[in-house]
C-alpha atoms as a PDB file:
ATOM      1  CA  UNK A   1     -65.716  -9.119 -12.766  1.00  0.00           C
ATOM      2  CA  UNK A   2     -63.094 -10.179 -15.311  1.00  0.00           C
ATOM      3  CA  UNK A   3     -59.907  -8.118 -14.831  1.00  0.00           C
ATOM      4  CA  UNK A   4     -57.820  -9.958 -17.429  1.00  0.00           C
ATOM      5  CA  UNK A   5     -57.468  -7.298 -20.116  1.00  0.00           C
ATOM      6  CA  UNK A   6     -55.757  -9.757 -22.498  1.00  0.00           C
ATOM      7  CA  UNK A   7     -58.817 -11.979 -22.843  1.00  0.00           C
ATOM      8  CA  UNK A   8     -60.237 -15.067 -21.192  1.00  0.00           C
ATOM      9  CA  UNK A   9     -57.785 -17.472 -22.821  1.00  0.00           C
ATOM     10  CA  UNK A  10     -54.651 -15.629 -21.674  1.00  0.00           C
ATOM     11  CA  UNK A  11     -52.902 -17.133 -18.662  1.00  0.00           C
ATOM     12  CA  UNK A  12     -51.189 -14.534 -16.517  1.00  0.00           C
ATOM     13  CA  UNK A  13     -47.634 -15.790 -15.777  1.00  0.00           C
ATOM     14  CA  UNK A  14     -46.495 -15.931 -12.197  1.00  0.00           C
ATOM     15  CA  UNK A  15     -42.927 -15.625 -10.892  1.00  0.00           C
ATOM     16  CA  UNK A  16     -41.360 -16.585  -7.620  1.00  0.00           C
ATOM     17  CA  UNK A  17     -37.756 -16.706  -6.410  1.00  0.00           C
ATOM     18  CA  UNK A  18     -38.113 -20.488  -6.375  1.00  0.00           C
ATOM     19  CA  UNK A  19     -38.083 -20.381 -10.176  1.00  0.00           C
ATOM     20  CA  UNK A  20     -34.398 -19.395 -10.064  1.00  0.00           C
ATOM     21  CA  UNK A  21     -33.347 -21.144  -6.863  1.00  0.00           C
ATOM     22  CA  UNK A  22     -29.521 -21.316  -6.764  1.00  0.00           C
ATOM     23  CA  UNK A  23     -28.117 -24.694  -7.781  1.00  0.00           C
ATOM     24  CA  UNK A  24     -24.977 -26.600  -6.837  1.00  0.00           C
ATOM     25  CA  UNK A  25     -22.045 -24.243  -6.335  1.00  0.00           C
ATOM     26  CA  UNK A  26     -24.346 -21.238  -6.150  1.00  0.00           C
ATOM     27  CA  UNK A  27     -25.855 -18.970  -3.507  1.00  0.00           C
ATOM     28  CA  UNK A  28     -27.910 -15.816  -3.385  1.00  0.00           C
ATOM     29  CA  UNK A  29     -25.726 -12.721  -3.549  1.00  0.00           C
ATOM     30  CA  UNK A  30     -24.463 -11.763  -0.089  1.00  0.00           C
ATOM     31  CA  UNK A  31     -24.485  -8.039  -0.943  1.00  0.00           C
ATOM     32  CA  UNK A  32     -27.788  -7.472   0.843  1.00  0.00           C
ATOM     33  CA  UNK A  33     -26.622  -9.448   3.902  1.00  0.00           C
ATOM     34  CA  UNK A  34     -23.762  -7.120   4.802  1.00  0.00           C
ATOM     35  CA  UNK A  35     -23.979  -3.733   6.492  1.00  0.00           C
ATOM     36  CA  UNK A  36     -23.122  -0.492   4.649  1.00  0.00           C
ATOM     37  CA  UNK A  37     -19.761  -0.364   6.472  1.00  0.00           C
ATOM     38  CA  UNK A  38     -18.917  -3.778   5.031  1.00  0.00           C
ATOM     39  CA  UNK A  39     -19.316  -2.557   1.442  1.00  0.00           C
ATOM     40  CA  UNK A  40     -16.618  -0.869  -0.601  1.00  0.00           C
ATOM     41  CA  UNK A  41     -15.975   2.875  -0.803  1.00  0.00           C
ATOM     42  CA  UNK A  42     -18.524   5.037  -2.584  1.00  0.00           C
ATOM     43  CA  UNK A  43     -19.144   5.800  -5.317  1.00  0.00           C
ATOM     44  CA  UNK A  44     -19.388   2.134  -6.201  1.00  0.00           C
ATOM     45  CA  UNK A  45     -17.902   1.314  -9.613  1.00  0.00           C
ATOM     46  CA  UNK A  46     -20.487   0.720 -12.327  1.00  0.00           C
ATOM     47  CA  UNK A  47     -19.546  -2.967 -12.565  1.00  0.00           C
ATOM     48  CA  UNK A  48     -20.507  -3.754  -8.950  1.00  0.00           C
ATOM     49  CA  UNK A  49     -23.691  -5.860  -8.945  1.00  0.00           C
ATOM     50  CA  UNK A  50     -26.005  -4.725  -6.146  1.00  0.00           C
ATOM     51  CA  UNK A  51     -29.263  -6.423  -7.171  1.00  0.00           C
ATOM     52  CA  UNK A  52     -30.984  -8.554  -4.525  1.00  0.00           C
ATOM     53  CA  UNK A  53     -31.887 -10.993  -7.302  1.00  0.00           C
ATOM     54  CA  UNK A  54     -28.245 -11.731  -8.148  1.00  0.00           C
ATOM     55  CA  UNK A  55     -26.741 -15.189  -7.719  1.00  0.00           C
ATOM     56  CA  UNK A  56     -23.109 -15.984  -6.855  1.00  0.00           C
ATOM     57  CA  UNK A  57     -21.612 -18.913  -8.793  1.00  0.00           C
ATOM     58  CA  UNK A  58     -18.344 -20.628  -7.859  1.00  0.00           C
ATOM     59  CA  UNK A  59     -15.960 -20.780 -10.851  1.00  0.00           C
ATOM     60  CA  UNK A  60     -12.982 -22.476  -9.208  1.00  0.00           C
ATOM     61  CA  UNK A  61      -9.882 -21.771  -7.166  1.00  0.00           C
ATOM     62  CA  UNK A  62      -7.196 -19.270  -8.175  1.00  0.00           C
ATOM     63  CA  UNK A  63      -4.523 -19.856  -5.554  1.00  0.00           C
ATOM     64  CA  UNK A  64      -3.917 -21.257  -2.098  1.00  0.00           C
ATOM     65  CA  UNK A  65      -1.984 -19.685   0.743  1.00  0.00           C
ATOM     66  CA  UNK A  66      -1.036 -20.243   4.370  1.00  0.00           C
ATOM     67  CA  UNK A  67      -3.833 -18.096   5.779  1.00  0.00           C
ATOM     68  CA  UNK A  68      -6.334 -17.841   2.921  1.00  0.00           C
ATOM     69  CA  UNK A  69      -7.387 -19.262  -0.424  1.00  0.00           C
ATOM     70  CA  UNK A  70      -8.588 -17.213  -3.388  1.00  0.00           C
ATOM     71  CA  UNK A  71     -11.502 -18.348  -5.556  1.00  0.00           C
ATOM     72  CA  UNK A  72     -13.280 -16.977  -8.615  1.00  0.00           C
ATOM     73  CA  UNK A  73     -16.946 -16.077  -8.153  1.00  0.00           C
ATOM     74  CA  UNK A  74     -19.380 -14.743 -10.734  1.00  0.00           C
ATOM     75  CA  UNK A  75     -22.152 -12.522  -9.408  1.00  0.00           C
ATOM     76  CA  UNK A  76     -24.955 -12.236 -11.966  1.00  0.00           C
ATOM     77  CA  UNK A  77     -28.628 -11.353 -12.251  1.00  0.00           C
ATOM     78  CA  UNK A  78     -30.486 -14.335 -13.812  1.00  0.00           C
ATOM     79  CA  UNK A  79     -32.099 -12.160 -16.493  1.00  0.00           C
ATOM     80  CA  UNK A  80     -28.644 -11.357 -17.848  1.00  0.00           C
ATOM     81  CA  UNK A  81     -28.876  -7.645 -17.104  1.00  0.00           C
ATOM     82  CA  UNK A  82     -25.608  -7.536 -15.159  1.00  0.00           C
ATOM     83  CA  UNK A  83     -22.753  -9.858 -14.244  1.00  0.00           C
ATOM     84  CA  UNK A  84     -19.211  -9.605 -12.942  1.00  0.00           C
ATOM     85  CA  UNK A  85     -16.391 -11.999 -12.060  1.00  0.00           C
ATOM     86  CA  UNK A  86     -14.745 -11.281  -8.717  1.00  0.00           C
ATOM     87  CA  UNK A  87     -11.978 -12.738  -6.585  1.00  0.00           C
ATOM     88  CA  UNK A  88     -13.191 -14.237  -3.297  1.00  0.00           C
ATOM     89  CA  UNK A  89     -10.439 -14.352  -0.685  1.00  0.00           C
ATOM     90  CA  UNK A  90     -11.438 -16.692   2.131  1.00  0.00           C
ATOM     91  CA  UNK A  91      -9.450 -16.792   5.325  1.00  0.00           C
ATOM     92  CA  UNK A  92      -9.270 -20.276   6.734  1.00  0.00           C
ATOM     93  CA  UNK A  93     -10.957 -21.518   9.885  1.00  0.00           C
ATOM     94  CA  UNK A  94      -9.042 -22.008  13.120  1.00  0.00           C
ATOM     95  CA  UNK A  95      -8.180 -25.660  12.581  1.00  0.00           C
ATOM     96  CA  UNK A  96      -6.887 -25.154   9.026  1.00  0.00           C
ATOM     97  CA  UNK A  97      -4.939 -21.911   9.199  1.00  0.00           C
ATOM     98  CA  UNK A  98      -1.597 -20.797  10.528  1.00  0.00           C
ATOM     99  CA  UNK A  99      -1.353 -17.290  11.914  1.00  0.00           C
ATOM    100  CA  UNK A 100       2.052 -17.680  13.557  1.00  0.00           C
ATOM    101  CA  UNK A 101       3.512 -14.879  11.408  1.00  0.00           C
ATOM    102  CA  UNK A 102       0.893 -12.388  12.474  1.00  0.00           C
ATOM    103  CA  UNK A 103       2.366 -11.207  15.782  1.00  0.00           C
ATOM    104  CA  UNK A 104       4.889  -8.835  14.218  1.00  0.00           C
ATOM    105  CA  UNK A 105       2.123  -7.169  12.186  1.00  0.00           C
ATOM    106  CA  UNK A 106      -0.498  -7.116  14.957  1.00  0.00           C
ATOM    107  CA  UNK A 107       1.549  -5.003  17.343  1.00  0.00           C
ATOM    108  CA  UNK A 108      -0.273  -1.726  17.824  1.00  0.00           C
ATOM    109  CA  UNK A 109      -3.644  -3.278  16.953  1.00  0.00           C
ATOM    110  CA  UNK A 110      -6.252  -3.992  19.611  1.00  0.00           C
ATOM    111  CA  UNK A 111      -9.350  -6.173  19.286  1.00  0.00           C
ATOM    112  CA  UNK A 112     -12.600  -4.433  20.227  1.00  0.00           C
ATOM    113  CA  UNK A 113     -13.401  -6.925  23.002  1.00  0.00           C
ATOM    114  CA  UNK A 114     -10.859  -7.693  25.721  1.00  0.00           C
ATOM    115  CA  UNK A 115     -11.875 -11.366  25.687  1.00  0.00           C
ATOM    116  CA  UNK A 116     -11.054 -11.539  21.983  1.00  0.00           C
ATOM    117  CA  UNK A 117      -7.746  -9.750  22.521  1.00  0.00           C
ATOM    118  CA  UNK A 118      -6.682 -12.232  25.215  1.00  0.00           C
ATOM    119  CA  UNK A 119      -7.731 -15.203  23.083  1.00  0.00           C
ATOM    120  CA  UNK A 120      -5.740 -13.954  20.096  1.00  0.00           C
ATOM    121  CA  UNK A 121      -2.661 -13.347  22.258  1.00  0.00           C
ATOM    122  CA  UNK A 122      -2.895 -16.828  23.769  1.00  0.00           C
ATOM    123  CA  UNK A 123      -3.395 -18.484  20.377  1.00  0.00           C
ATOM    124  CA  UNK A 124      -6.407 -20.522  21.469  1.00  0.00           C
ATOM    125  CA  UNK A 125      -8.745 -22.129  18.929  1.00  0.00           C
ATOM    126  CA  UNK A 126     -11.256 -19.356  19.578  1.00  0.00           C
ATOM    127  CA  UNK A 127      -8.479 -16.792  19.267  1.00  0.00           C
ATOM    128  CA  UNK A 128      -7.476 -18.185  15.875  1.00  0.00           C
ATOM    129  CA  UNK A 129     -11.075 -17.972  14.666  1.00  0.00           C
ATOM    130  CA  UNK A 130     -11.195 -14.356  15.871  1.00  0.00           C
ATOM    131  CA  UNK A 131      -7.915 -13.727  14.074  1.00  0.00           C
ATOM    132  CA  UNK A 132      -9.278 -15.144  10.806  1.00  0.00           C
ATOM    133  CA  UNK A 133     -12.192 -12.708  10.850  1.00  0.00           C
ATOM    134  CA  UNK A 134      -9.925  -9.888  12.055  1.00  0.00           C
ATOM    135  CA  UNK A 135      -7.567 -10.421   9.127  1.00  0.00           C
ATOM    136  CA  UNK A 136     -10.358 -10.299   6.534  1.00  0.00           C
ATOM    137  CA  UNK A 137     -11.719  -7.073   8.020  1.00  0.00           C
ATOM    138  CA  UNK A 138      -8.199  -5.628   8.362  1.00  0.00           C
ATOM    139  CA  UNK A 139      -7.517  -6.306   4.693  1.00  0.00           C
ATOM    140  CA  UNK A 140     -10.867  -4.838   3.681  1.00  0.00           C
ATOM    141  CA  UNK A 141     -10.094  -1.677   5.657  1.00  0.00           C
ATOM    142  CA  UNK A 142      -6.576  -1.488   4.208  1.00  0.00           C
ATOM    143  CA  UNK A 143      -7.807  -1.919   0.635  1.00  0.00           C
ATOM    144  CA  UNK A 144     -10.557   0.649   1.143  1.00  0.00           C
ATOM    145  CA  UNK A 145      -8.082   3.167   2.513  1.00  0.00           C
ATOM    146  CA  UNK A 146      -5.563   2.495  -0.265  1.00  0.00           C
ATOM    147  CA  UNK A 147      -8.257   2.771  -2.943  1.00  0.00           C
ATOM    148  CA  UNK A 148      -9.411   6.122  -1.585  1.00  0.00           C
ATOM    149  CA  UNK A 149      -5.781   7.340  -1.558  1.00  0.00           C
ATOM    150  CA  UNK A 150      -5.395   6.466  -5.231  1.00  0.00           C
ATOM    151  CA  UNK A 151      -3.034   3.566  -4.645  1.00  0.00           C
ATOM    152  CA  UNK A 152      -3.567   0.916  -7.367  1.00  0.00           C
ATOM    153  CA  UNK A 153      -5.273  -1.963  -5.536  1.00  0.00           C
ATOM    154  CA  UNK A 154      -8.211  -4.225  -6.425  1.00  0.00           C
ATOM    155  CA  UNK A 155     -11.462  -2.500  -5.499  1.00  0.00           C
ATOM    156  CA  UNK A 156     -12.800  -4.103  -2.278  1.00  0.00           C
ATOM    157  CA  UNK A 157     -16.439  -4.979  -3.038  1.00  0.00           C
ATOM    158  CA  UNK A 158     -17.456  -6.265   0.392  1.00  0.00           C
ATOM    159  CA  UNK A 159     -16.406  -8.250   3.435  1.00  0.00           C
ATOM    160  CA  UNK A 160     -18.568 -10.856   5.144  1.00  0.00           C
ATOM    161  CA  UNK A 161     -17.070 -12.856   8.005  1.00  0.00           C
ATOM    162  CA  UNK A 162     -13.909 -14.522   6.716  1.00  0.00           C
ATOM    163  CA  UNK A 163     -14.728 -13.818   3.040  1.00  0.00           C
ATOM    164  CA  UNK A 164     -13.473 -10.764   1.180  1.00  0.00           C
ATOM    165  CA  UNK A 165     -14.832 -10.090  -2.339  1.00  0.00           C
ATOM    166  CA  UNK A 166     -12.502  -8.109  -4.584  1.00  0.00           C
ATOM    167  CA  UNK A 167     -12.195  -6.739  -8.076  1.00  0.00           C
ATOM    168  CA  UNK A 168     -10.664  -9.458 -10.248  1.00  0.00           C
ATOM    169  CA  UNK A 169      -7.516  -8.232 -11.982  1.00  0.00           C
ATOM    170  CA  UNK A 170      -7.194 -10.138 -15.231  1.00  0.00           C
ATOM    171  CA  UNK A 171      -8.868 -11.016 -18.502  1.00  0.00           C
ATOM    172  CA  UNK A 172     -11.974 -13.190 -18.459  1.00  0.00           C
ATOM    173  CA  UNK A 173     -11.109 -15.785 -15.839  1.00  0.00           C
ATOM    174  CA  UNK A 174      -7.327 -15.592 -16.364  1.00  0.00           C
ATOM    175  CA  UNK A 175      -5.552 -13.682 -13.601  1.00  0.00           C
ATOM    176  CA  UNK A 176      -2.971 -11.032 -14.387  1.00  0.00           C
ATOM    177  CA  UNK A 177       0.620 -12.265 -13.963  1.00  0.00           C
ATOM    178  CA  UNK A 178       2.700 -11.355 -10.953  1.00  0.00           C
ATOM    179  CA  UNK A 179       5.653  -9.013 -11.340  1.00  0.00           C
ATOM    180  CA  UNK A 180       7.862 -11.996 -10.481  1.00  0.00           C
ATOM    181  CA  UNK A 181       6.766 -13.590 -13.768  1.00  0.00           C
ATOM    182  CA  UNK A 182       7.564 -10.529 -15.864  1.00  0.00           C
ATOM    183  CA  UNK A 183      10.345 -10.662 -18.454  1.00  0.00           C
ATOM    184  CA  UNK A 184      10.260  -6.899 -19.003  1.00  0.00           C
ATOM    185  CA  UNK A 185      13.509  -5.144 -19.796  1.00  0.00           C
ATOM    186  CA  UNK A 186      14.867  -1.730 -20.719  1.00  0.00           C
ATOM    187  CA  UNK A 187      12.423   1.177 -20.588  1.00  0.00           C
ATOM    188  CA  UNK A 188       9.519  -1.151 -19.763  1.00  0.00           C
ATOM    189  CA  UNK A 189      11.335  -2.426 -16.661  1.00  0.00           C
ATOM    190  CA  UNK A 190      12.195   1.133 -15.640  1.00  0.00           C
ATOM    191  CA  UNK A 191       8.517   2.135 -15.974  1.00  0.00           C
ATOM    192  CA  UNK A 192       7.403  -0.779 -13.785  1.00  0.00           C
ATOM    193  CA  UNK A 193       9.969   0.214 -11.159  1.00  0.00           C
ATOM    194  CA  UNK A 194       8.728   3.827 -11.222  1.00  0.00           C
ATOM    195  CA  UNK A 195       5.219   2.566 -10.496  1.00  0.00           C
ATOM    196  CA  UNK A 196       6.439   0.402  -7.610  1.00  0.00           C
ATOM    197  CA  UNK A 197       8.340   3.364  -6.147  1.00  0.00           C
ATOM    198  CA  UNK A 198       5.164   5.446  -6.365  1.00  0.00           C
ATOM    199  CA  UNK A 199       3.237   2.720  -4.498  1.00  0.00           C
ATOM    200  CA  UNK A 200       5.828   2.610  -1.695  1.00  0.00           C
ATOM    201  CA  UNK A 201       5.843   6.400  -1.366  1.00  0.00           C
ATOM    202  CA  UNK A 202       2.049   6.702  -1.433  1.00  0.00           C
ATOM    203  CA  UNK A 203       1.794   4.200   1.411  1.00  0.00           C
ATOM    204  CA  UNK A 204       4.460   6.137   3.309  1.00  0.00           C
ATOM    205  CA  UNK A 205       2.577   9.431   2.878  1.00  0.00           C
ATOM    206  CA  UNK A 206      -0.343   7.734   4.624  1.00  0.00           C
ATOM    207  CA  UNK A 207       1.996   6.649   7.444  1.00  0.00           C
ATOM    208  CA  UNK A 208       1.962   3.022   6.317  1.00  0.00           C
ATOM    209  CA  UNK A 209       4.052   0.238   4.862  1.00  0.00           C
ATOM    210  CA  UNK A 210       2.721  -2.743   2.966  1.00  0.00           C
ATOM    211  CA  UNK A 211       4.694  -4.939   5.346  1.00  0.00           C
ATOM    212  CA  UNK A 212       5.226  -7.861   2.978  1.00  0.00           C
ATOM    213  CA  UNK A 213       5.884  -6.214  -0.380  1.00  0.00           C
ATOM    214  CA  UNK A 214       7.562  -8.371  -2.997  1.00  0.00           C
ATOM    215  CA  UNK A 215       7.338  -9.209  -6.725  1.00  0.00           C
ATOM    216  CA  UNK A 216       4.885 -11.943  -5.724  1.00  0.00           C
ATOM    217  CA  UNK A 217       2.155  -9.589  -4.506  1.00  0.00           C
ATOM    218  CA  UNK A 218       2.461  -7.087  -7.315  1.00  0.00           C
ATOM    219  CA  UNK A 219       0.381  -7.813 -10.423  1.00  0.00           C
ATOM    220  CA  UNK A 220       1.073  -6.390 -13.877  1.00  0.00           C
ATOM    221  CA  UNK A 221      -2.022  -5.843 -15.987  1.00  0.00           C
ATOM    222  CA  UNK A 222      -1.902  -3.917 -19.259  1.00  0.00           C
ATOM    223  CA  UNK A 223       1.313  -2.200 -18.178  1.00  0.00           C
ATOM    224  CA  UNK A 224      -0.119  -1.174 -14.795  1.00  0.00           C
ATOM    225  CA  UNK A 225       1.232  -2.427 -11.458  1.00  0.00           C
ATOM    226  CA  UNK A 226      -1.454  -3.399  -8.924  1.00  0.00           C
ATOM    227  CA  UNK A 227      -0.580  -4.258  -5.326  1.00  0.00           C
ATOM    228  CA  UNK A 228      -2.410  -7.107  -3.576  1.00  0.00           C
ATOM    229  CA  UNK A 229      -2.368  -8.971  -0.233  1.00  0.00           C
ATOM    230  CA  UNK A 230      -2.737  -6.136   2.267  1.00  0.00           C
ATOM    231  CA  UNK A 231      -3.968  -7.769   5.496  1.00  0.00           C
ATOM    232  CA  UNK A 232      -0.733  -6.925   7.270  1.00  0.00           C
ATOM    233  CA  UNK A 233      -0.662  -3.226   6.290  1.00  0.00           C
ATOM    234  CA  UNK A 234       1.444  -1.615   8.996  1.00  0.00           C
ATOM    235  CA  UNK A 235       1.136   1.723  10.729  1.00  0.00           C
ATOM    236  CA  UNK A 236       4.823   2.635  10.651  1.00  0.00           C
ATOM    237  CA  UNK A 237       4.580   4.925  13.684  1.00  0.00           C
ATOM    238  CA  UNK A 238       2.286   2.884  15.962  1.00  0.00           C
ATOM    239  CA  UNK A 239       3.921  -0.477  15.250  1.00  0.00           C
ATOM    240  CA  UNK A 240       7.411  -0.803  16.775  1.00  0.00           C
ATOM    241  CA  UNK A 241       8.370  -3.035  13.833  1.00  0.00           C
ATOM    242  CA  UNK A 242       7.113  -0.472  11.317  1.00  0.00           C
ATOM    243  CA  UNK A 243      10.422   0.979  10.200  1.00  0.00           C
ATOM    244  CA  UNK A 244      12.088  -2.383   9.745  1.00  0.00           C
ATOM    245  CA  UNK A 245       9.129  -3.653   7.725  1.00  0.00           C
ATOM    246  CA  UNK A 246       9.185  -0.552   5.517  1.00  0.00           C
ATOM    247  CA  UNK A 247      12.912  -1.030   4.986  1.00  0.00           C
ATOM    248  CA  UNK A 248      12.371  -4.683   4.121  1.00  0.00           C
ATOM    249  CA  UNK A 249       9.716  -3.731   1.556  1.00  0.00           C
ATOM    250  CA  UNK A 250      12.214  -1.410  -0.140  1.00  0.00           C
ATOM    251  CA  UNK A 251      14.975  -4.014  -0.200  1.00  0.00           C
ATOM    252  CA  UNK A 252      12.671  -6.790  -1.451  1.00  0.00           C
ATOM    253  CA  UNK A 253      11.498  -4.905  -4.524  1.00  0.00           C
ATOM    254  CA  UNK A 254      14.843  -3.281  -5.312  1.00  0.00           C
ATOM    255  CA  UNK A 255      16.638  -6.641  -5.125  1.00  0.00           C
ATOM    256  CA  UNK A 256      14.316  -8.067  -7.787  1.00  0.00           C
ATOM    257  CA  UNK A 257      14.782  -5.127 -10.164  1.00  0.00           C
ATOM    258  CA  UNK A 258      18.554  -5.084  -9.577  1.00  0.00           C
ATOM    259  CA  UNK A 259      18.800  -8.774 -10.505  1.00  0.00           C
ATOM    260  CA  UNK A 260      17.236  -7.851 -13.847  1.00  0.00           C
ATOM    261  CA  UNK A 261      19.828  -5.204 -14.516  1.00  0.00           C
ATOM    262  CA  UNK A 262      18.053  -2.058 -13.364  1.00  0.00           C
ATOM    263  CA  UNK A 263      20.160   0.434 -11.431  1.00  0.00           C
ATOM    264  CA  UNK A 264      18.244   1.018  -8.183  1.00  0.00           C
ATOM    265  CA  UNK A 265      19.230   1.711  -4.591  1.00  0.00           C
ATOM    266  CA  UNK A 266      17.107   0.222  -1.802  1.00  0.00           C
ATOM    267  CA  UNK A 267      18.616   2.496   0.847  1.00  0.00           C
ATOM    268  CA  UNK A 268      17.767   5.547  -1.244  1.00  0.00           C
ATOM    269  CA  UNK A 269      14.185   4.362  -1.677  1.00  0.00           C
ATOM    270  CA  UNK A 270      13.903   3.732   2.059  1.00  0.00           C
ATOM    271  CA  UNK A 271      15.237   7.241   2.799  1.00  0.00           C
ATOM    272  CA  UNK A 272      12.661   8.749   0.400  1.00  0.00           C
ATOM    273  CA  UNK A 273       9.887   6.768   2.053  1.00  0.00           C
ATOM    274  CA  UNK A 274      10.941   7.827   5.567  1.00  0.00           C
ATOM    275  CA  UNK A 275      10.986  11.449   4.426  1.00  0.00           C
ATOM    276  CA  UNK A 276       7.340  11.065   3.354  1.00  0.00           C
ATOM    277  CA  UNK A 277       6.370   9.981   6.871  1.00  0.00           C
ATOM    278  CA  UNK A 278       7.089  13.369   8.412  1.00  0.00           C
END
């Protein structure tokens, strides 16, 4: 029996995933490979691409760092129905990273397995690999918490091993400038400072400090300050270094604004932040 309703001469097209096999610098989207707990807070923004047919394409490197490098990745469905450019922060493997600064931030944190905890404390090669994964998951958790609290951070799309996919803050493939690059003055500078103060106080209300806040991890996009680089987010109460790190955050940002002529008092900001803790 002929079931081809279009006629005998019509060839029914066939489709397989092999027809769109990822090429060089591409991979299938890793969204389906991660567990629900490794995906960003719900509701997911409309721009997040969740299709199993999506392909991730490497667009190049944005910046390098001591512990991680940041790349640009486009996640798109081949039929053109949806696409987004994201930042991919990849923590380096044990032999290529340096986690010597992490001890002061790790105090108060405990790895889930005692073997892992001992390895991290001893600084073995295995311990450094554990630390790399721990830092990516710690930053994902910190970003998720901050996002849910209304703190302006890049939306954390997902975490997978040592790779963290984030909302890209910028235009096209051009990243937003850091606060350190800003030449703002007058009322514009005062508005940026007010936003930074709000960020510090919002963290404090949650019992936290950024831990490494500076004009270099604050982005300015369309007049809005966005805080980045949160792997070392500190629980001010549980971490014995918490108060000193919170105080340092306040002094770091106030020093930059003061050098540009804005009247600000780091000790006053620190006192306001401490008051929010209790």
